[in-house]
Amino acid sequence: MTPGTQKYQTTHLEPYRSTIHNADLAITAANSYLCIGYGFNDEHIQPNIMSKCQRQNTPITIITYALSDAARKLILDGKAQNYLAIERGATDDQSIVYSSLNKTPVTVEKNIWSLEGYLSLIM
């Protein structure tokens, strides 16, 4: 069942209005983005992220179980200029890595698509 219009009407009231405003300020001020499981399907959030990635070459890293159509459109259609996206491969122990440095996706035989797996790269 899809959300009703009342769900969106309540986002114009407090505390949601202030929360969204402050999120917009943080997104606009950011020098890079780390998106964990975010599907880029929130019309009131991702336009600022997408704009900075497309127009200002702001780096973005996305780690997720599966890239949503909206995320694919942002990065794989050539609109984001500086990205790293990692999604689950055929199994939990396989990852598919997309990078602005390489036109061809790379399959890695390791879980780096989950938060735990991704953090294992830097810890």
PDB file of N, CA and C in Angstrom:
ATOM      1  N   MET A   1       0.839  -1.174   0.000  1.00  0.00           N
ATOM      2  CA  MET A   1       0.000   0.000   0.000  1.00  0.00           C
ATOM      3  C   MET A   1       0.891   1.246   0.000  1.00  0.00           C
ATOM      4  N   THR A   2       0.577   2.196  -0.817  1.00  0.00           N
ATOM      5  CA  THR A   2       1.383   3.412  -0.892  1.00  0.00           C
ATOM      6  C   THR A   2       0.995   4.366   0.224  1.00  0.00           C
ATOM      7  N   PRO A   3       1.941   5.235   0.617  1.00  0.00           N
ATOM      8  CA  PRO A   3       1.622   6.203   1.665  1.00  0.00           C
ATOM      9  C   PRO A   3       0.524   7.151   1.215  1.00  0.00           C
ATOM     10  N   GLY A   4      -0.324   7.519   2.134  1.00  0.00           N
ATOM     11  CA  GLY A   4      -1.382   8.466   1.821  1.00  0.00           C
ATOM     12  C   GLY A   4      -0.858   9.886   1.798  1.00  0.00           C
ATOM     13  N   THR A   5      -1.684  10.793   1.301  1.00  0.00           N
ATOM     14  CA  THR A   5      -1.265  12.191   1.217  1.00  0.00           C
ATOM     15  C   THR A   5      -1.048  12.799   2.595  1.00  0.00           C
ATOM     16  N   GLN A   6      -1.711  12.262   3.608  1.00  0.00           N
ATOM     17  CA  GLN A   6      -1.552  12.819   4.950  1.00  0.00           C
ATOM     18  C   GLN A   6      -0.124  12.655   5.452  1.00  0.00           C
ATOM     19  N   LYS A   7       0.562  11.584   5.039  1.00  0.00           N
ATOM     20  CA  LYS A   7       1.952  11.386   5.435  1.00  0.00           C
ATOM     21  C   LYS A   7       2.790  12.574   4.968  1.00  0.00           C
ATOM     22  N   TYR A   8       2.588  13.026   3.763  1.00  0.00           N
ATOM     23  CA  TYR A   8       3.357  14.132   3.212  1.00  0.00           C
ATOM     24  C   TYR A   8       2.916  15.470   3.797  1.00  0.00           C
ATOM     25  N   GLN A   9       1.652  15.599   4.124  1.00  0.00           N
ATOM     26  CA  GLN A   9       1.169  16.832   4.744  1.00  0.00           C
ATOM     27  C   GLN A   9       1.797  17.018   6.121  1.00  0.00           C
ATOM     28  N   THR A  10       1.970  15.947   6.873  1.00  0.00           N
ATOM     29  CA  THR A  10       2.549  16.064   8.209  1.00  0.00           C
ATOM     30  C   THR A  10       4.024  16.449   8.161  1.00  0.00           C
ATOM     31  N   THR A  11       4.709  16.214   7.051  1.00  0.00           N
ATOM     32  CA  THR A  11       6.117  16.606   6.963  1.00  0.00           C
ATOM     33  C   THR A  11       6.279  18.124   6.889  1.00  0.00           C
ATOM     34  N   HIS A  12       5.207  18.845   6.664  1.00  0.00           N
ATOM     35  CA  HIS A  12       5.263  20.310   6.634  1.00  0.00           C
ATOM     36  C   HIS A  12       5.051  20.914   8.021  1.00  0.00           C
ATOM     37  N   LEU A  13       4.820  20.058   9.009  1.00  0.00           N
ATOM     38  CA  LEU A  13       4.610  20.506  10.381  1.00  0.00           C
ATOM     39  C   LEU A  13       5.850  20.195  11.214  1.00  0.00           C
ATOM     40  N   GLU A  14       5.937  20.814  12.386  1.00  0.00           N
ATOM     41  CA  GLU A  14       7.033  20.534  13.306  1.00  0.00           C
ATOM     42  C   GLU A  14       6.820  19.165  13.948  1.00  0.00           C
ATOM     43  N   PRO A  15       7.860  18.422  14.264  1.00  0.00           N
ATOM     44  CA  PRO A  15       9.275  18.765  14.161  1.00  0.00           C
ATOM     45  C   PRO A  15       9.883  18.417  12.804  1.00  0.00           C
ATOM     46  N   TYR A  16       9.085  17.880  11.903  1.00  0.00           N
ATOM     47  CA  TYR A  16       9.605  17.421  10.614  1.00  0.00           C
ATOM     48  C   TYR A  16      10.152  18.565   9.764  1.00  0.00           C
ATOM     49  N   ARG A  17       9.470  19.682   9.776  1.00  0.00           N
ATOM     50  CA  ARG A  17       9.898  20.824   8.959  1.00  0.00           C
ATOM     51  C   ARG A  17      11.303  21.275   9.350  1.00  0.00           C
ATOM     52  N   SER A  18      11.562  21.415  10.650  1.00  0.00           N
ATOM     53  CA  SER A  18      12.895  21.821  11.127  1.00  0.00           C
ATOM     54  C   SER A  18      13.938  20.757  10.837  1.00  0.00           C
ATOM     55  N   THR A  19      13.562  19.509  10.990  1.00  0.00           N
ATOM     56  CA  THR A  19      14.491  18.410  10.732  1.00  0.00           C
ATOM     57  C   THR A  19      14.917  18.395   9.272  1.00  0.00           C
ATOM     58  N   ILE A  20      13.971  18.530   8.370  1.00  0.00           N
ATOM     59  CA  ILE A  20      14.284  18.538   6.940  1.00  0.00           C
ATOM     60  C   ILE A  20      15.118  19.772   6.591  1.00  0.00           C
ATOM     61  N   HIS A  21      14.784  20.919   7.166  1.00  0.00           N
ATOM     62  CA  HIS A  21      15.562  22.135   6.919  1.00  0.00           C
ATOM     63  C   HIS A  21      17.015  21.959   7.363  1.00  0.00           C
ATOM     64  N   ASN A  22      17.220  21.425   8.555  1.00  0.00           N
ATOM     65  CA  ASN A  22      18.573  21.208   9.055  1.00  0.00           C
ATOM     66  C   ASN A  22      19.320  20.156   8.246  1.00  0.00           C
ATOM     67  N   ALA A  23      18.610  19.140   7.777  1.00  0.00           N
ATOM     68  CA  ALA A  23      19.235  18.136   6.906  1.00  0.00           C
ATOM     69  C   ALA A  23      19.678  18.793   5.597  1.00  0.00           C
ATOM     70  N   ASP A  24      18.859  19.663   5.044  1.00  0.00           N
ATOM     71  CA  ASP A  24      19.231  20.385   3.815  1.00  0.00           C
ATOM     72  C   ASP A  24      20.491  21.214   4.026  1.00  0.00           C
ATOM     73  N   LEU A  25      20.585  21.885   5.168  1.00  0.00           N
ATOM     74  CA  LEU A  25      21.776  22.682   5.467  1.00  0.00           C
ATOM     75  C   LEU A  25      23.019  21.805   5.539  1.00  0.00           C
ATOM     76  N   ALA A  26      22.914  20.655   6.205  1.00  0.00           N
ATOM     77  CA  ALA A  26      24.059  19.736   6.331  1.00  0.00           C
ATOM     78  C   ALA A  26      24.446  19.166   4.973  1.00  0.00           C
ATOM     79  N   ILE A  27      23.471  18.802   4.171  1.00  0.00           N
ATOM     80  CA  ILE A  27      23.738  18.249   2.837  1.00  0.00           C
ATOM     81  C   ILE A  27      24.424  19.302   1.964  1.00  0.00           C
ATOM     82  N   THR A  28      23.956  20.524   2.025  1.00  0.00           N
ATOM     83  CA  THR A  28      24.542  21.595   1.217  1.00  0.00           C
ATOM     84  C   THR A  28      25.979  21.903   1.646  1.00  0.00           C
ATOM     85  N   ALA A  29      26.253  21.812   2.934  1.00  0.00           N
ATOM     86  CA  ALA A  29      27.585  22.145   3.450  1.00  0.00           C
ATOM     87  C   ALA A  29      28.598  21.010   3.296  1.00  0.00           C
ATOM     88  N   ALA A  30      28.144  19.806   3.026  1.00  0.00           N
ATOM     89  CA  ALA A  30      29.032  18.631   2.992  1.00  0.00           C
ATOM     90  C   ALA A  30      30.024  18.695   1.839  1.00  0.00           C
ATOM     91  N   ASN A  31      31.217  18.174   2.106  1.00  0.00           N
ATOM     92  CA  ASN A  31      32.252  18.071   1.072  1.00  0.00           C
ATOM     93  C   ASN A  31      32.276  16.700   0.421  1.00  0.00           C
ATOM     94  N   SER A  32      31.557  15.733   1.004  1.00  0.00           N
ATOM     95  CA  SER A  32      31.440  14.388   0.443  1.00  0.00           C
ATOM     96  C   SER A  32      30.264  13.706   1.132  1.00  0.00           C
ATOM     97  N   TYR A  33      29.846  12.567   0.553  1.00  0.00           N
ATOM     98  CA  TYR A  33      28.708  11.837   1.098  1.00  0.00           C
ATOM     99  C   TYR A  33      29.033  10.357   1.233  1.00  0.00           C
ATOM    100  N   LEU A  34      28.564   9.760   2.330  1.00  0.00           N
ATOM    101  CA  LEU A  34      28.592   8.321   2.524  1.00  0.00           C
ATOM    102  C   LEU A  34      27.146   7.900   2.733  1.00  0.00           C
ATOM    103  N   CYS A  35      26.613   7.147   1.788  1.00  0.00           N
ATOM    104  CA  CYS A  35      25.218   6.711   1.838  1.00  0.00           C
ATOM    105  C   CYS A  35      25.181   5.215   2.106  1.00  0.00           C
ATOM    106  N   ILE A  36      24.563   4.841   3.195  1.00  0.00           N
ATOM    107  CA  ILE A  36      24.493   3.430   3.592  1.00  0.00           C
ATOM    108  C   ILE A  36      23.044   2.972   3.468  1.00  0.00           C
ATOM    109  N   GLY A  37      22.776   2.158   2.466  1.00  0.00           N
ATOM    110  CA  GLY A  37      21.437   1.628   2.267  1.00  0.00           C
ATOM    111  C   GLY A  37      20.403   2.649   1.825  1.00  0.00           C
ATOM    112  N   TYR A  38      20.831   3.810   1.409  1.00  0.00           N
ATOM    113  CA  TYR A  38      19.896   4.858   0.980  1.00  0.00           C
ATOM    114  C   TYR A  38      19.520   4.635  -0.476  1.00  0.00           C
ATOM    115  N   GLY A  39      18.219   4.650  -0.769  1.00  0.00           N
ATOM    116  CA  GLY A  39      17.744   4.319  -2.105  1.00  0.00           C
ATOM    117  C   GLY A  39      17.537   5.482  -3.054  1.00  0.00           C
ATOM    118  N   PHE A  40      17.751   6.705  -2.597  1.00  0.00           N
ATOM    119  CA  PHE A  40      17.563   7.891  -3.433  1.00  0.00           C
ATOM    120  C   PHE A  40      16.134   7.990  -3.955  1.00  0.00           C
ATOM    121  N   ASN A  41      15.179   7.677  -3.098  1.00  0.00           N
ATOM    122  CA  ASN A  41      13.770   7.740  -3.477  1.00  0.00           C
ATOM    123  C   ASN A  41      12.988   8.770  -2.672  1.00  0.00           C
ATOM    124  N   ASP A  42      13.682   9.615  -1.914  1.00  0.00           N
ATOM    125  CA  ASP A  42      13.019  10.624  -1.097  1.00  0.00           C
ATOM    126  C   ASP A  42      13.110  11.971  -1.793  1.00  0.00           C
ATOM    127  N   GLU A  43      12.006  12.385  -2.374  1.00  0.00           N
ATOM    128  CA  GLU A  43      11.972  13.595  -3.198  1.00  0.00           C
ATOM    129  C   GLU A  43      12.389  14.846  -2.435  1.00  0.00           C
ATOM    130  N   HIS A  44      12.303  14.822  -1.120  1.00  0.00           N
ATOM    131  CA  HIS A  44      12.645  16.006  -0.339  1.00  0.00           C
ATOM    132  C   HIS A  44      14.084  15.970   0.174  1.00  0.00           C
ATOM    133  N   ILE A  45      14.846  14.914  -0.148  1.00  0.00           N
ATOM    134  CA  ILE A  45      16.211  14.798   0.354  1.00  0.00           C
ATOM    135  C   ILE A  45      17.246  14.776  -0.768  1.00  0.00           C
ATOM    136  N   GLN A  46      17.106  13.875  -1.724  1.00  0.00           N
ATOM    137  CA  GLN A  46      18.198  13.654  -2.675  1.00  0.00           C
ATOM    138  C   GLN A  46      18.446  14.739  -3.718  1.00  0.00           C
ATOM    139  N   PRO A  47      17.535  15.651  -4.011  1.00  0.00           N
ATOM    140  CA  PRO A  47      17.876  16.649  -5.028  1.00  0.00           C
ATOM    141  C   PRO A  47      19.148  17.444  -4.699  1.00  0.00           C
ATOM    142  N   ASN A  48      19.336  17.819  -3.443  1.00  0.00           N
ATOM    143  CA  ASN A  48      20.553  18.553  -3.078  1.00  0.00           C
ATOM    144  C   ASN A  48      21.795  17.673  -3.223  1.00  0.00           C
ATOM    145  N   ILE A  49      21.692  16.416  -2.823  1.00  0.00           N
ATOM    146  CA  ILE A  49      22.825  15.493  -2.964  1.00  0.00           C
ATOM    147  C   ILE A  49      23.158  15.316  -4.438  1.00  0.00           C
ATOM    148  N   MET A  50      22.160  15.038  -5.241  1.00  0.00           N
ATOM    149  CA  MET A  50      22.376  14.795  -6.663  1.00  0.00           C
ATOM    150  C   MET A  50      22.953  16.025  -7.348  1.00  0.00           C
ATOM    151  N   SER A  51      22.457  17.188  -6.982  1.00  0.00           N
ATOM    152  CA  SER A  51      22.942  18.421  -7.594  1.00  0.00           C
ATOM    153  C   SER A  51      24.429  18.622  -7.318  1.00  0.00           C
ATOM    154  N   LYS A  52      24.838  18.429  -6.068  1.00  0.00           N
ATOM    155  CA  LYS A  52      26.255  18.620  -5.741  1.00  0.00           C
ATOM    156  C   LYS A  52      27.138  17.574  -6.424  1.00  0.00           C
ATOM    157  N   CYS A  53      26.659  16.350  -6.540  1.00  0.00           N
ATOM    158  CA  CYS A  53      27.451  15.296  -7.188  1.00  0.00           C
ATOM    159  C   CYS A  53      27.567  15.531  -8.689  1.00  0.00           C
ATOM    160  N   GLN A  54      26.530  16.066  -9.278  1.00  0.00           N
ATOM    161  CA  GLN A  54      26.519  16.289 -10.717  1.00  0.00           C
ATOM    162  C   GLN A  54      27.218  17.581 -11.115  1.00  0.00           C
ATOM    163  N   ARG A  55      27.017  18.635 -10.358  1.00  0.00           N
ATOM    164  CA  ARG A  55      27.503  19.953 -10.765  1.00  0.00           C
ATOM    165  C   ARG A  55      28.813  20.365 -10.114  1.00  0.00           C
ATOM    166  N   GLN A  56      29.066  19.859  -8.893  1.00  0.00           N
ATOM    167  CA  GLN A  56      30.243  20.307  -8.157  1.00  0.00           C
ATOM    168  C   GLN A  56      31.265  19.196  -7.935  1.00  0.00           C
ATOM    169  N   ASN A  57      31.021  18.039  -8.569  1.00  0.00           N
ATOM    170  CA  ASN A  57      31.970  16.926  -8.474  1.00  0.00           C
ATOM    171  C   ASN A  57      32.188  16.451  -7.031  1.00  0.00           C
ATOM    172  N   THR A  58      31.177  16.606  -6.184  1.00  0.00           N
ATOM    173  CA  THR A  58      31.274  16.186  -4.791  1.00  0.00           C
ATOM    174  C   THR A  58      31.353  14.660  -4.741  1.00  0.00           C
ATOM    175  N   PRO A  59      32.352  14.106  -4.042  1.00  0.00           N
ATOM    176  CA  PRO A  59      32.489  12.646  -3.963  1.00  0.00           C
ATOM    177  C   PRO A  59      31.330  12.003  -3.203  1.00  0.00           C
ATOM    178  N   ILE A  60      30.912  10.838  -3.692  1.00  0.00           N
ATOM    179  CA  ILE A  60      29.849  10.089  -3.026  1.00  0.00           C
ATOM    180  C   ILE A  60      30.228   8.616  -3.000  1.00  0.00           C
ATOM    181  N   THR A  61      30.017   7.988  -1.860  1.00  0.00           N
ATOM    182  CA  THR A  61      30.189   6.547  -1.705  1.00  0.00           C
ATOM    183  C   THR A  61      28.844   5.977  -1.278  1.00  0.00           C
ATOM    184  N   ILE A  62      28.420   4.937  -1.977  1.00  0.00           N
ATOM    185  CA  ILE A  62      27.150   4.283  -1.680  1.00  0.00           C
ATOM    186  C   ILE A  62      27.432   2.812  -1.411  1.00  0.00           C
ATOM    187  N   ILE A  63      26.990   2.327  -0.262  1.00  0.00           N
ATOM    188  CA  ILE A  63      27.064   0.892   0.011  1.00  0.00           C
ATOM    189  C   ILE A  63      25.650   0.417   0.323  1.00  0.00           C
ATOM    190  N   THR A  64      25.258  -0.688  -0.310  1.00  0.00           N
ATOM    191  CA  THR A  64      23.874  -1.126  -0.172  1.00  0.00           C
ATOM    192  C   THR A  64      23.712  -2.577  -0.615  1.00  0.00           C
ATOM    193  N   TYR A  65      22.611  -3.171  -0.220  1.00  0.00           N
ATOM    194  CA  TYR A  65      22.281  -4.524  -0.659  1.00  0.00           C
ATOM    195  C   TYR A  65      22.085  -4.545  -2.171  1.00  0.00           C
ATOM    196  N   ALA A  66      21.296  -3.599  -2.665  1.00  0.00           N
ATOM    197  CA  ALA A  66      21.051  -3.501  -4.110  1.00  0.00           C
ATOM    198  C   ALA A  66      20.828  -2.039  -4.463  1.00  0.00           C
ATOM    199  N   LEU A  67      21.520  -1.556  -5.467  1.00  0.00           N
ATOM    200  CA  LEU A  67      21.327  -0.180  -5.923  1.00  0.00           C
ATOM    201  C   LEU A  67      19.916  -0.003  -6.460  1.00  0.00           C
ATOM    202  N   SER A  68      19.248   1.007  -6.009  1.00  0.00           N
ATOM    203  CA  SER A  68      17.907   1.300  -6.517  1.00  0.00           C
ATOM    204  C   SER A  68      18.017   1.889  -7.923  1.00  0.00           C
ATOM    205  N   ASP A  69      16.906   1.932  -8.618  1.00  0.00           N
ATOM    206  CA  ASP A  69      16.897   2.538  -9.954  1.00  0.00           C
ATOM    207  C   ASP A  69      17.344   4.000  -9.883  1.00  0.00           C
ATOM    208  N   ALA A  70      16.914   4.710  -8.849  1.00  0.00           N
ATOM    209  CA  ALA A  70      17.292   6.121  -8.707  1.00  0.00           C
ATOM    210  C   ALA A  70      18.794   6.270  -8.473  1.00  0.00           C
ATOM    211  N   ALA A  71      19.381   5.386  -7.667  1.00  0.00           N
ATOM    212  CA  ALA A  71      20.831   5.438  -7.419  1.00  0.00           C
ATOM    213  C   ALA A  71      21.592   5.106  -8.703  1.00  0.00           C
ATOM    214  N   ARG A  72      21.118   4.118  -9.416  1.00  0.00           N
ATOM    215  CA  ARG A  72      21.759   3.766 -10.691  1.00  0.00           C
ATOM    216  C   ARG A  72      21.725   4.946 -11.668  1.00  0.00           C
ATOM    217  N   LYS A  73      20.590   5.623 -11.701  1.00  0.00           N
ATOM    218  CA  LYS A  73      20.462   6.761 -12.606  1.00  0.00           C
ATOM    219  C   LYS A  73      21.455   7.854 -12.231  1.00  0.00           C
ATOM    220  N   LEU A  74      21.631   8.090 -10.939  1.00  0.00           N
ATOM    221  CA  LEU A  74      22.560   9.121 -10.484  1.00  0.00           C
ATOM    222  C   LEU A  74      23.992   8.800 -10.872  1.00  0.00           C
ATOM    223  N   ILE A  75      24.423   7.567 -10.611  1.00  0.00           N
ATOM    224  CA  ILE A  75      25.838   7.275 -10.805  1.00  0.00           C
ATOM    225  C   ILE A  75      26.154   6.603 -12.132  1.00  0.00           C
ATOM    226  N   LEU A  76      25.370   5.646 -12.527  1.00  0.00           N
ATOM    227  CA  LEU A  76      25.736   4.845 -13.693  1.00  0.00           C
ATOM    228  C   LEU A  76      25.383   5.510 -15.018  1.00  0.00           C
ATOM    229  N   ASP A  77      24.471   6.450 -14.994  1.00  0.00           N
ATOM    230  CA  ASP A  77      24.143   7.160 -16.231  1.00  0.00           C
ATOM    231  C   ASP A  77      25.109   8.299 -16.503  1.00  0.00           C
ATOM    232  N   GLY A  78      26.198   8.344 -15.750  1.00  0.00           N
ATOM    233  CA  GLY A  78      27.235   9.320 -15.998  1.00  0.00           C
ATOM    234  C   GLY A  78      26.979  10.693 -15.425  1.00  0.00           C
ATOM    235  N   LYS A  79      25.999  10.815 -14.547  1.00  0.00           N
ATOM    236  CA  LYS A  79      25.682  12.128 -14.011  1.00  0.00           C
ATOM    237  C   LYS A  79      26.560  12.494 -12.821  1.00  0.00           C
ATOM    238  N   ALA A  80      26.859  11.529 -11.961  1.00  0.00           N
ATOM    239  CA  ALA A  80      27.801  11.787 -10.871  1.00  0.00           C
ATOM    240  C   ALA A  80      29.202  11.642 -11.446  1.00  0.00           C
ATOM    241  N   GLN A  81      30.095  12.499 -11.028  1.00  0.00           N
ATOM    242  CA  GLN A  81      31.435  12.507 -11.607  1.00  0.00           C
ATOM    243  C   GLN A  81      32.491  11.847 -10.731  1.00  0.00           C
ATOM    244  N   ASN A  82      32.216  11.680  -9.447  1.00  0.00           N
ATOM    245  CA  ASN A  82      33.213  11.182  -8.515  1.00  0.00           C
ATOM    246  C   ASN A  82      32.524  10.237  -7.533  1.00  0.00           C
ATOM    247  N   TYR A  83      32.432   8.958  -7.888  1.00  0.00           N
ATOM    248  CA  TYR A  83      31.638   8.041  -7.075  1.00  0.00           C
ATOM    249  C   TYR A  83      32.308   6.688  -6.878  1.00  0.00           C
ATOM    250  N   LEU A  84      31.854   6.030  -5.819  1.00  0.00           N
ATOM    251  CA  LEU A  84      32.143   4.634  -5.531  1.00  0.00           C
ATOM    252  C   LEU A  84      30.838   4.046  -5.033  1.00  0.00           C
ATOM    253  N   ALA A  85      30.348   3.021  -5.688  1.00  0.00           N
ATOM    254  CA  ALA A  85      29.109   2.363  -5.274  1.00  0.00           C
ATOM    255  C   ALA A  85      29.366   0.870  -5.162  1.00  0.00           C
ATOM    256  N   ILE A  86      28.878   0.286  -4.091  1.00  0.00           N
ATOM    257  CA  ILE A  86      29.091  -1.132  -3.844  1.00  0.00           C
ATOM    258  C   ILE A  86      27.749  -1.766  -3.503  1.00  0.00           C
ATOM    259  N   GLU A  87      27.409  -2.831  -4.233  1.00  0.00           N
ATOM    260  CA  GLU A  87      26.185  -3.573  -3.932  1.00  0.00           C
ATOM    261  C   GLU A  87      26.500  -5.049  -3.812  1.00  0.00           C
ATOM    262  N   ARG A  88      25.575  -5.791  -3.236  1.00  0.00           N
ATOM    263  CA  ARG A  88      25.725  -7.231  -3.063  1.00  0.00           C
ATOM    264  C   ARG A  88      25.788  -7.905  -4.427  1.00  0.00           C
ATOM    265  N   GLY A  89      26.625  -8.918  -4.528  1.00  0.00           N
ATOM    266  CA  GLY A  89      26.695  -9.719  -5.744  1.00  0.00           C
ATOM    267  C   GLY A  89      25.681 -10.857  -5.691  1.00  0.00           C
ATOM    268  N   ALA A  90      26.037 -11.989  -6.270  1.00  0.00           N
ATOM    269  CA  ALA A  90      25.138 -13.136  -6.328  1.00  0.00           C
ATOM    270  C   ALA A  90      24.938 -13.787  -4.960  1.00  0.00           C
ATOM    271  N   THR A  91      25.901 -13.600  -4.052  1.00  0.00           N
ATOM    272  CA  THR A  91      25.813 -14.154  -2.697  1.00  0.00           C
ATOM    273  C   THR A  91      26.213 -13.070  -1.699  1.00  0.00           C
ATOM    274  N   ASP A  92      26.019 -13.349  -0.419  1.00  0.00           N
ATOM    275  CA  ASP A  92      26.422 -12.398   0.617  1.00  0.00           C
ATOM    276  C   ASP A  92      27.925 -12.159   0.630  1.00  0.00           C
ATOM    277  N   ASP A  93      28.686 -13.117   0.155  1.00  0.00           N
ATOM    278  CA  ASP A  93      30.148 -13.017   0.157  1.00  0.00           C
ATOM    279  C   ASP A  93      30.701 -12.514  -1.177  1.00  0.00           C
ATOM    280  N   GLN A  94      29.893 -11.803  -1.910  1.00  0.00           N
ATOM    281  CA  GLN A  94      30.335 -11.245  -3.182  1.00  0.00           C
ATOM    282  C   GLN A  94      29.803  -9.814  -3.294  1.00  0.00           C
ATOM    283  N   SER A  95      30.615  -8.930  -3.844  1.00  0.00           N
ATOM    284  CA  SER A  95      30.227  -7.530  -4.008  1.00  0.00           C
ATOM    285  C   SER A  95      30.518  -7.075  -5.428  1.00  0.00           C
ATOM    286  N   ILE A  96      29.700  -6.169  -5.911  1.00  0.00           N
ATOM    287  CA  ILE A  96      29.926  -5.557  -7.218  1.00  0.00           C
ATOM    288  C   ILE A  96      30.273  -4.092  -6.949  1.00  0.00           C
ATOM    289  N   VAL A  97      31.413  -3.676  -7.477  1.00  0.00           N
ATOM    290  CA  VAL A  97      31.940  -2.340  -7.210  1.00  0.00           C
ATOM    291  C   VAL A  97      31.891  -1.509  -8.491  1.00  0.00           C
ATOM    292  N   TYR A  98      31.277  -0.354  -8.395  1.00  0.00           N
ATOM    293  CA  TYR A  98      31.191   0.605  -9.490  1.00  0.00           C
ATOM    294  C   TYR A  98      32.014   1.823  -9.081  1.00  0.00           C
ATOM    295  N   SER A  99      32.809   2.331  -9.998  1.00  0.00           N
ATOM    296  CA  SER A  99      33.665   3.459  -9.672  1.00  0.00           C
ATOM    297  C   SER A  99      33.774   4.411 -10.854  1.00  0.00           C
ATOM    298  N   SER A 100      33.864   5.682 -10.553  1.00  0.00           N
ATOM    299  CA  SER A 100      34.073   6.673 -11.615  1.00  0.00           C
ATOM    300  C   SER A 100      35.464   6.540 -12.225  1.00  0.00           C
ATOM    301  N   LEU A 101      36.334   5.760 -11.588  1.00  0.00           N
ATOM    302  CA  LEU A 101      37.687   5.549 -12.106  1.00  0.00           C
ATOM    303  C   LEU A 101      37.766   4.392 -13.100  1.00  0.00           C
ATOM    304  N   ASN A 102      36.682   3.596 -13.183  1.00  0.00           N
ATOM    305  CA  ASN A 102      36.690   2.413 -14.046  1.00  0.00           C
ATOM    306  C   ASN A 102      35.303   2.262 -14.671  1.00  0.00           C
ATOM    307  N   LYS A 103      35.213   2.220 -15.967  1.00  0.00           N
ATOM    308  CA  LYS A 103      33.916   2.131 -16.643  1.00  0.00           C
ATOM    309  C   LYS A 103      33.241   0.774 -16.457  1.00  0.00           C
ATOM    310  N   THR A 104      34.021  -0.254 -16.159  1.00  0.00           N
ATOM    311  CA  THR A 104      33.483  -1.601 -16.001  1.00  0.00           C
ATOM    312  C   THR A 104      33.359  -1.961 -14.522  1.00  0.00           C
ATOM    313  N   PRO A 105      32.203  -2.455 -14.083  1.00  0.00           N
ATOM    314  CA  PRO A 105      32.069  -2.881 -12.684  1.00  0.00           C
ATOM    315  C   PRO A 105      33.028  -4.030 -12.375  1.00  0.00           C
ATOM    316  N   VAL A 106      33.473  -4.082 -11.133  1.00  0.00           N
ATOM    317  CA  VAL A 106      34.398  -5.117 -10.687  1.00  0.00           C
ATOM    318  C   VAL A 106      33.687  -5.980  -9.663  1.00  0.00           C
ATOM    319  N   THR A 107      33.747  -7.302  -9.836  1.00  0.00           N
ATOM    320  CA  THR A 107      33.173  -8.224  -8.868  1.00  0.00           C
ATOM    321  C   THR A 107      34.269  -8.663  -7.908  1.00  0.00           C
ATOM    322  N   VAL A 108      33.979  -8.530  -6.617  1.00  0.00           N
ATOM    323  CA  VAL A 108      34.931  -8.860  -5.566  1.00  0.00           C
ATOM    324  C   VAL A 108      34.354 -10.017  -4.758  1.00  0.00           C
ATOM    325  N   GLU A 109      35.158 -11.029  -4.508  1.00  0.00           N
ATOM    326  CA  GLU A 109      34.698 -12.192  -3.745  1.00  0.00           C
ATOM    327  C   GLU A 109      34.854 -11.925  -2.247  1.00  0.00           C
ATOM    328  N   LYS A 110      34.173 -10.888  -1.790  1.00  0.00           N
ATOM    329  CA  LYS A 110      34.199 -10.509  -0.384  1.00  0.00           C
ATOM    330  C   LYS A 110      32.978  -9.636  -0.110  1.00  0.00           C
ATOM    331  N   ASN A 111      32.457  -9.714   1.078  1.00  0.00           N
ATOM    332  CA  ASN A 111      31.352  -8.856   1.470  1.00  0.00           C
ATOM    333  C   ASN A 111      31.915  -7.499   1.862  1.00  0.00           C
ATOM    334  N   ILE A 112      31.780  -6.544   0.971  1.00  0.00           N
ATOM    335  CA  ILE A 112      32.093  -5.150   1.305  1.00  0.00           C
ATOM    336  C   ILE A 112      30.872  -4.263   1.049  1.00  0.00           C
ATOM    337  N   TRP A 113      29.734  -4.879   0.725  1.00  0.00           N
ATOM    338  CA  TRP A 113      28.495  -4.159   0.451  1.00  0.00           C
ATOM    339  C   TRP A 113      27.718  -3.849   1.725  1.00  0.00           C
ATOM    340  N   SER A 114      27.955  -4.594   2.796  1.00  0.00           N
ATOM    341  CA  SER A 114      27.277  -4.327   4.062  1.00  0.00           C
ATOM    342  C   SER A 114      28.124  -3.352   4.877  1.00  0.00           C
ATOM    343  N   LEU A 115      27.523  -2.735   5.867  1.00  0.00           N
ATOM    344  CA  LEU A 115      28.276  -1.803   6.697  1.00  0.00           C
ATOM    345  C   LEU A 115      29.435  -2.507   7.377  1.00  0.00           C
ATOM    346  N   GLU A 116      29.188  -3.687   7.926  1.00  0.00           N
ATOM    347  CA  GLU A 116      30.245  -4.453   8.579  1.00  0.00           C
ATOM    348  C   GLU A 116      31.370  -4.792   7.597  1.00  0.00           C
ATOM    349  N   GLY A 117      31.008  -5.247   6.408  1.00  0.00           N
ATOM    350  CA  GLY A 117      32.000  -5.589   5.398  1.00  0.00           C
ATOM    351  C   GLY A 117      32.780  -4.372   4.925  1.00  0.00           C
ATOM    352  N   TYR A 118      32.081  -3.267   4.736  1.00  0.00           N
ATOM    353  CA  TYR A 118      32.751  -2.039   4.290  1.00  0.00           C
ATOM    354  C   TYR A 118      33.733  -1.548   5.342  1.00  0.00           C
ATOM    355  N   LEU A 119      33.302  -1.559   6.604  1.00  0.00           N
ATOM    356  CA  LEU A 119      34.179  -1.112   7.672  1.00  0.00           C
ATOM    357  C   LEU A 119      35.408  -2.011   7.847  1.00  0.00           C
ATOM    358  N   SER A 120      35.294  -3.272   7.415  1.00  0.00           N
ATOM    359  CA  SER A 120      36.438  -4.170   7.517  1.00  0.00           C
ATOM    360  C   SER A 120      37.592  -3.708   6.610  1.00  0.00           C
ATOM    361  N   LEU A 121      37.285  -2.887   5.618  1.00  0.00           N
ATOM    362  CA  LEU A 121      38.304  -2.356   4.724  1.00  0.00           C
ATOM    363  C   LEU A 121      39.184  -1.302   5.409  1.00  0.00           C
ATOM    364  N   ILE A 122      38.628  -0.640   6.388  1.00  0.00           N
ATOM    365  CA  ILE A 122      39.365   0.463   7.005  1.00  0.00           C
ATOM    366  C   ILE A 122      39.751   0.206   8.451  1.00  0.00           C
ATOM    367  N   MET A 123      39.335  -0.899   9.011  1.00  0.00           N
ATOM    368  CA  MET A 123      39.661  -1.174  10.418  1.00  0.00           C
ATOM    369  C   MET A 123      40.691  -2.256  10.531  1.00  0.00           C
TER     370      MET A 123
END
